[in-house]
Amino acid sequence: MTETTAGSETPTEPSTEPLTDAETAVEGFEQLQEYVRFWNADTEQEQRRLAAAALGDGVEYCAEIGILTGAQALMNFRNQFTAHMGDVALRLRARPQVHHDRARLQWEILTGDGASFATGTDVIQLDEDGRIGSVVAFLDRAPEGFDPAAHQEEVAASQ
């Protein structure tokens, strides 16, 4: 398998070891680093900076809970989630796989006490500027008692 960026290819070996360092996990793909940092950002100022670096104009985020459009909608979703859950961290479970203008990120959400909340996979499409144009998020292991329909109205209201 190879990774392609700006016309160059770098061999990649999928890892089975959990990754906690976004810097190492997505080395060479800054927009993916910034994407992981975005989900972990604490302040609105940091979120805006990271969104501008990683997300394309009109980014679309499609998940079981709904479809979000634009960086502000993703920020609202992230902030609503952390307001409900408290401290959480998104960590990569494997080195991202990248080819052409697509990437697959396998992630885990950890709560403040280090417990695993959920795992999932994001399939990302990069736009012509190399920023993230769309994300399709799949839950590999949903949180206990998860009901996507119960959250759809909340997500729609946050847009």
Protein backbone atom coordinates (compact mmCIF):
# COMPACT_ATOMS: atom_id res chain seq x y z
CA MET A 1 0.00 0.00 0.00
CA THR A 2 1.22 3.53 -0.70
CA GLU A 3 0.28 7.02 0.38
CA THR A 4 0.15 9.76 -2.22
CA THR A 5 0.58 13.44 -1.54
CA ALA A 6 1.36 16.14 -4.07
CA GLY A 7 2.49 13.59 -6.62
CA SER A 8 4.79 11.57 -4.35
CA GLU A 9 4.11 8.14 -2.95
CA THR A 10 5.19 6.86 0.44
CA PRO A 11 4.84 3.21 1.44
CA THR A 12 2.53 2.65 4.38
CA GLU A 13 2.03 -0.35 6.58
CA PRO A 14 -1.26 -0.52 8.49
CA SER A 15 -0.57 -0.76 12.20
CA THR A 16 -2.51 -2.81 14.70
CA GLU A 17 -1.11 -0.84 17.65
CA PRO A 18 -3.29 1.96 19.07
CA LEU A 19 -1.95 5.40 18.22
CA THR A 20 -2.21 8.28 20.63
CA ASP A 21 0.07 10.76 18.92
CA ALA A 22 -1.61 12.51 15.99
CA GLU A 23 1.78 13.94 15.00
CA THR A 24 3.28 10.52 14.30
CA ALA A 25 0.13 8.87 13.03
CA VAL A 26 -0.51 11.30 10.19
CA GLU A 27 2.99 12.56 9.48
CA GLY A 28 3.07 14.10 6.02
CA PHE A 29 -0.67 14.75 5.96
CA GLU A 30 -1.04 18.00 7.86
CA GLN A 31 -4.75 18.36 7.11
CA LEU A 32 -5.36 15.02 8.85
CA GLN A 33 -3.27 16.14 11.85
CA GLU A 34 -5.32 19.31 12.04
CA TYR A 35 -8.55 17.29 11.74
CA VAL A 36 -7.64 15.18 14.79
CA ARG A 37 -6.54 18.28 16.68
CA PHE A 38 -9.84 19.99 15.74
CA TRP A 39 -11.87 17.30 17.53
CA ASN A 40 -9.63 17.68 20.60
CA ALA A 41 -9.43 21.51 20.66
CA ASP A 42 -10.49 23.19 23.89
CA THR A 43 -11.12 26.77 22.81
CA GLU A 44 -13.26 28.30 20.08
CA GLN A 45 -10.23 30.23 18.81
CA GLU A 46 -8.23 27.01 18.47
CA GLN A 47 -11.17 25.24 16.81
CA ARG A 48 -11.53 28.03 14.23
CA ARG A 49 -7.80 28.00 13.44
CA LEU A 50 -7.74 24.23 13.03
CA ALA A 51 -10.97 24.19 11.00
CA ALA A 52 -9.52 26.78 8.61
CA ALA A 53 -6.38 24.67 8.17
CA ALA A 54 -8.07 21.30 7.77
CA LEU A 55 -11.61 21.77 6.49
CA GLY A 56 -12.64 22.94 3.05
CA ASP A 57 -15.35 25.51 2.50
CA GLY A 58 -18.72 23.81 2.90
CA VAL A 59 -17.26 20.62 4.37
CA GLU A 60 -19.95 17.95 4.70
CA TYR A 61 -19.96 15.56 7.67
CA CYS A 62 -22.29 12.59 7.30
CA ALA A 63 -22.91 10.40 10.35
CA GLU A 64 -25.76 8.25 11.67
CA ILE A 65 -26.98 11.22 13.70
CA GLY A 66 -27.32 13.44 10.64
CA ILE A 67 -25.54 15.46 7.98
CA LEU A 68 -23.69 18.59 9.02
CA THR A 69 -22.49 21.22 6.55
CA GLY A 70 -19.75 23.74 7.23
CA ALA A 71 -17.08 24.15 9.87
CA GLN A 72 -19.41 25.99 12.26
CA ALA A 73 -21.84 23.06 12.28
CA LEU A 74 -18.98 20.69 13.15
CA MET A 75 -17.81 23.05 15.90
CA ASN A 76 -21.36 23.22 17.30
CA PHE A 77 -21.64 19.41 17.23
CA ARG A 78 -18.26 18.96 18.93
CA ASN A 79 -19.04 21.54 21.61
CA GLN A 80 -22.53 20.12 22.25
CA PHE A 81 -20.99 16.66 22.64
CA THR A 82 -18.32 17.81 25.11
CA ALA A 83 -20.87 19.89 27.04
CA HIS A 84 -22.84 16.67 27.52
CA MET A 85 -19.90 14.28 28.05
CA GLY A 86 -17.27 16.41 29.76
CA ASP A 87 -13.62 15.78 28.95
CA VAL A 88 -13.20 13.52 25.94
CA ALA A 89 -10.34 12.83 23.56
CA LEU A 90 -10.32 11.47 20.03
CA ARG A 91 -7.39 9.09 19.48
CA LEU A 92 -6.41 7.20 16.35
CA ARG A 93 -6.51 3.41 16.57
CA ALA A 94 -4.31 2.81 13.53
CA ARG A 95 -2.15 4.72 11.11
CA PRO A 96 -4.44 6.40 8.56
CA GLN A 97 -4.65 4.83 5.15
CA VAL A 98 -4.43 7.34 2.32
CA HIS A 99 -4.67 6.97 -1.43
CA HIS A 100 -5.49 9.44 -4.16
CA ASP A 101 -7.80 12.00 -2.56
CA ARG A 102 -9.22 9.70 0.14
CA ALA A 103 -8.24 8.79 3.68
CA ARG A 104 -9.54 6.34 6.24
CA LEU A 105 -9.09 7.19 9.92
CA GLN A 106 -9.91 4.63 12.59
CA TRP A 107 -10.54 6.37 15.90
CA GLU A 108 -11.62 5.90 19.49
CA ILE A 109 -13.23 8.40 21.83
CA LEU A 110 -11.94 8.23 25.40
CA THR A 111 -13.71 9.83 28.34
CA GLY A 112 -11.89 11.96 30.92
CA ASP A 113 -11.21 8.90 33.08
CA GLY A 114 -9.66 7.06 30.10
CA ALA A 115 -12.60 4.73 29.45
CA SER A 116 -13.44 3.89 25.85
CA PHE A 117 -16.72 5.55 24.85
CA ALA A 118 -16.96 4.51 21.19
CA THR A 119 -14.88 3.52 18.18
CA GLY A 120 -15.38 4.43 14.56
CA THR A 121 -13.96 5.01 11.13
CA ASP A 122 -14.03 8.24 9.15
CA VAL A 123 -13.75 8.07 5.38
CA ILE A 124 -12.44 11.43 4.25
CA GLN A 125 -12.35 13.00 0.81
CA LEU A 126 -9.86 15.78 0.19
CA ASP A 127 -10.80 18.68 -2.06
CA GLU A 128 -8.64 20.18 -4.82
CA ASP A 129 -6.87 22.40 -2.23
CA GLY A 130 -5.91 19.36 -0.15
CA ARG A 131 -8.36 20.24 2.62
CA ILE A 132 -11.12 17.96 3.84
CA GLY A 133 -14.21 18.32 1.67
CA SER A 134 -16.33 15.54 3.13
CA VAL A 135 -16.34 13.01 5.95
CA VAL A 136 -18.47 9.90 6.21
CA ALA A 137 -18.34 8.71 9.83
CA PHE A 138 -19.12 5.11 10.73
CA LEU A 139 -19.50 3.77 14.24
CA ASP A 140 -17.55 0.55 14.63
CA ARG A 141 -18.63 0.23 18.25
CA ALA A 142 -21.43 2.56 19.26
CA PRO A 143 -21.73 3.88 22.80
CA GLU A 144 -23.88 1.75 25.08
CA GLY A 145 -27.55 2.55 24.53
CA PHE A 146 -26.87 4.68 21.44
CA ASP A 147 -30.00 5.64 19.50
CA PRO A 148 -29.15 7.76 16.43
CA ALA A 149 -32.74 8.92 15.99
CA ALA A 150 -32.72 10.44 19.49
CA HIS A 151 -29.80 12.67 18.52
CA GLN A 152 -30.92 13.73 15.03
CA GLU A 153 -33.15 16.56 16.25
CA GLU A 154 -30.38 17.91 18.53
CA VAL A 155 -27.89 17.88 15.65
CA ALA A 156 -30.34 19.55 13.26
CA ALA A 157 -30.99 22.30 15.82
CA SER A 158 -27.25 22.97 16.19
CA GLN A 159 -26.84 23.93 12.51
